Amino acid sequence: QVQLVESGGGLVQVADSLRLSCVVSGVSFSTYVLGWFRQVPEKEREFVAAIRWNADIKDYSDSVKGRFAISADNAKNTLYLQMNSLKPEDTAVYYCAAGPLDHFYRDYDEGNEYDYWGQGIQVTVSS
């Protein structure tokens, strides 16, 4: 059974940092792409970052590039998202996701290519 469980969200101030964690069970880090997405009410789900752990490939949306860092610890079955220099526009529910490698052709930013999702966790950045 595949399960993804996020933690680490909360309320922070502008320019603060926060690290999200996602414990992933039931999938292999070697054969899956792991990603982070976010969503605010009445808006489309937005790609944030993705990682191919065994290929050391990382991808970021332009809105977070240089501020966020995605990483994965295979031994701990955990995906991370380190968020620095947070802005009010980063406020959203954040979701971790996993999709088999053969779903992806070139990019990793299409949510439909991910099969499994966490329940989501709120991040609020207050000004």
Foldseek 3Di string as FASTA:
>chain_A
DWAKAKDWADEEAAQAKTKMKIQIPDDALQFKKKFKWWDDPPDDIWGAKIASQVVRDIDGDPVQPPFWDWDDDRVRSMIMIIGGRDDQVVWTWMKMFMAGPVLDDDDDTDPVRTDDIHPTDTHGYHD
